[in-house]
Amino acid sequence: MLKSTLPAARPKYLEMLKGHADETIAEPGCIEFNVAQNPASPSHLVLMEVYKNKTSMDAHSRG
């Protein structure tokens, strides 16, 4: 998933994202949750979530 943030909103968004990542990785079937930031363009983030299987991913999507 690709996300963009405005520079002024980035610190608050990253803090919110940390909480979301902690909750997501605690879900059954979630194997990995990573955030990558482009050093050349810090406003661009890539969120990578890895699930054990499609059922686990679908359960996350349903919330």
C-alpha atoms as a PDB file:
ATOM      1  CA  MET A   1       0.000   0.000   0.000  1.00  0.00           C
ATOM      2  CA  LEU A   2       1.374   3.428  -0.908  1.00  0.00           C
ATOM      3  CA  LYS A   3       0.697   6.443   1.289  1.00  0.00           C
ATOM      4  CA  SER A   4       1.662  10.092   0.993  1.00  0.00           C
ATOM      5  CA  THR A   5       1.733  12.592   3.830  1.00  0.00           C
ATOM      6  CA  LEU A   6       2.128  16.322   4.003  1.00  0.00           C
ATOM      7  CA  PRO A   7       5.360  17.307   5.775  1.00  0.00           C
ATOM      8  CA  ALA A   8       3.537  19.015   8.658  1.00  0.00           C
ATOM      9  CA  ALA A   9       1.287  15.984   9.212  1.00  0.00           C
ATOM     10  CA  ARG A  10       4.043  13.363   8.989  1.00  0.00           C
ATOM     11  CA  PRO A  11       5.032  13.133  12.707  1.00  0.00           C
ATOM     12  CA  LYS A  12       1.419  12.679  13.851  1.00  0.00           C
ATOM     13  CA  TYR A  13       0.716  10.191  11.038  1.00  0.00           C
ATOM     14  CA  LEU A  14       3.813   8.124  11.854  1.00  0.00           C
ATOM     15  CA  GLU A  15       2.800   8.006  15.526  1.00  0.00           C
ATOM     16  CA  MET A  16      -0.711   6.840  14.558  1.00  0.00           C
ATOM     17  CA  LEU A  17       0.799   4.326  12.164  1.00  0.00           C
ATOM     18  CA  LYS A  18       2.961   2.850  14.952  1.00  0.00           C
ATOM     19  CA  GLY A  19      -0.197   2.126  16.974  1.00  0.00           C
ATOM     20  CA  HIS A  20      -1.896   0.626  13.928  1.00  0.00           C
ATOM     21  CA  ALA A  21       1.144  -1.554  13.219  1.00  0.00           C
ATOM     22  CA  ASP A  22       1.204  -2.817  16.822  1.00  0.00           C
ATOM     23  CA  GLU A  23      -2.496  -3.738  16.638  1.00  0.00           C
ATOM     24  CA  THR A  24      -2.156  -5.349  13.222  1.00  0.00           C
ATOM     25  CA  ILE A  25       0.865  -7.501  14.081  1.00  0.00           C
ATOM     26  CA  ALA A  26      -1.046  -8.799  17.128  1.00  0.00           C
ATOM     27  CA  GLU A  27      -3.828 -10.150  14.893  1.00  0.00           C
ATOM     28  CA  PRO A  28      -3.908 -13.901  14.261  1.00  0.00           C
ATOM     29  CA  GLY A  29      -2.269 -14.671  10.937  1.00  0.00           C
ATOM     30  CA  CYS A  30      -0.342 -11.414  10.584  1.00  0.00           C
ATOM     31  CA  ILE A  31       3.297 -12.347  10.094  1.00  0.00           C
ATOM     32  CA  GLU A  32       4.840  -8.978   9.307  1.00  0.00           C
ATOM     33  CA  PHE A  33       4.046  -5.263   9.148  1.00  0.00           C
ATOM     34  CA  ASN A  34       6.709  -2.913   7.772  1.00  0.00           C
ATOM     35  CA  VAL A  35       6.843   0.733   6.813  1.00  0.00           C
ATOM     36  CA  ALA A  36       9.441   1.999   4.354  1.00  0.00           C
ATOM     37  CA  GLN A  37      10.122   5.675   3.798  1.00  0.00           C
ATOM     38  CA  ASN A  38      11.757   6.950   0.628  1.00  0.00           C
ATOM     39  CA  PRO A  39      14.837   8.975   1.710  1.00  0.00           C
ATOM     40  CA  ALA A  40      14.635  11.042  -1.478  1.00  0.00           C
ATOM     41  CA  SER A  41      10.953  11.789  -0.884  1.00  0.00           C
ATOM     42  CA  PRO A  42      10.104  11.407   2.834  1.00  0.00           C
ATOM     43  CA  SER A  43       6.429  12.127   2.197  1.00  0.00           C
ATOM     44  CA  HIS A  44       6.107   8.797   0.371  1.00  0.00           C
ATOM     45  CA  LEU A  45       5.641   5.705   2.510  1.00  0.00           C
ATOM     46  CA  VAL A  46       5.147   2.080   1.581  1.00  0.00           C
ATOM     47  CA  LEU A  47       3.209  -0.118   4.024  1.00  0.00           C
ATOM     48  CA  MET A  48       3.842  -3.840   3.706  1.00  0.00           C
ATOM     49  CA  GLU A  49       1.635  -6.338   5.504  1.00  0.00           C
ATOM     50  CA  VAL A  50       2.263 -10.077   5.245  1.00  0.00           C
ATOM     51  CA  TYR A  51      -0.372 -12.599   6.270  1.00  0.00           C
ATOM     52  CA  LYS A  52      -0.248 -16.337   6.787  1.00  0.00           C
ATOM     53  CA  ASN A  53      -3.021 -16.850   4.250  1.00  0.00           C
ATOM     54  CA  LYS A  54      -5.867 -15.125   2.417  1.00  0.00           C
ATOM     55  CA  THR A  55      -8.308 -15.916   5.231  1.00  0.00           C
ATOM     56  CA  SER A  56      -6.140 -13.969   7.691  1.00  0.00           C
ATOM     57  CA  MET A  57      -5.807 -11.058   5.273  1.00  0.00           C
ATOM     58  CA  ASP A  58      -9.568 -11.007   4.656  1.00  0.00           C
ATOM     59  CA  ALA A  59     -10.246 -11.011   8.413  1.00  0.00           C
ATOM     60  CA  HIS A  60      -7.973  -7.977   8.802  1.00  0.00           C
ATOM     61  CA  SER A  61      -9.713  -6.184   5.932  1.00  0.00           C
ATOM     62  CA  ARG A  62     -13.124  -6.736   7.522  1.00  0.00           C
ATOM     63  CA  GLY A  63     -11.774  -5.154  10.719  1.00  0.00           C
END
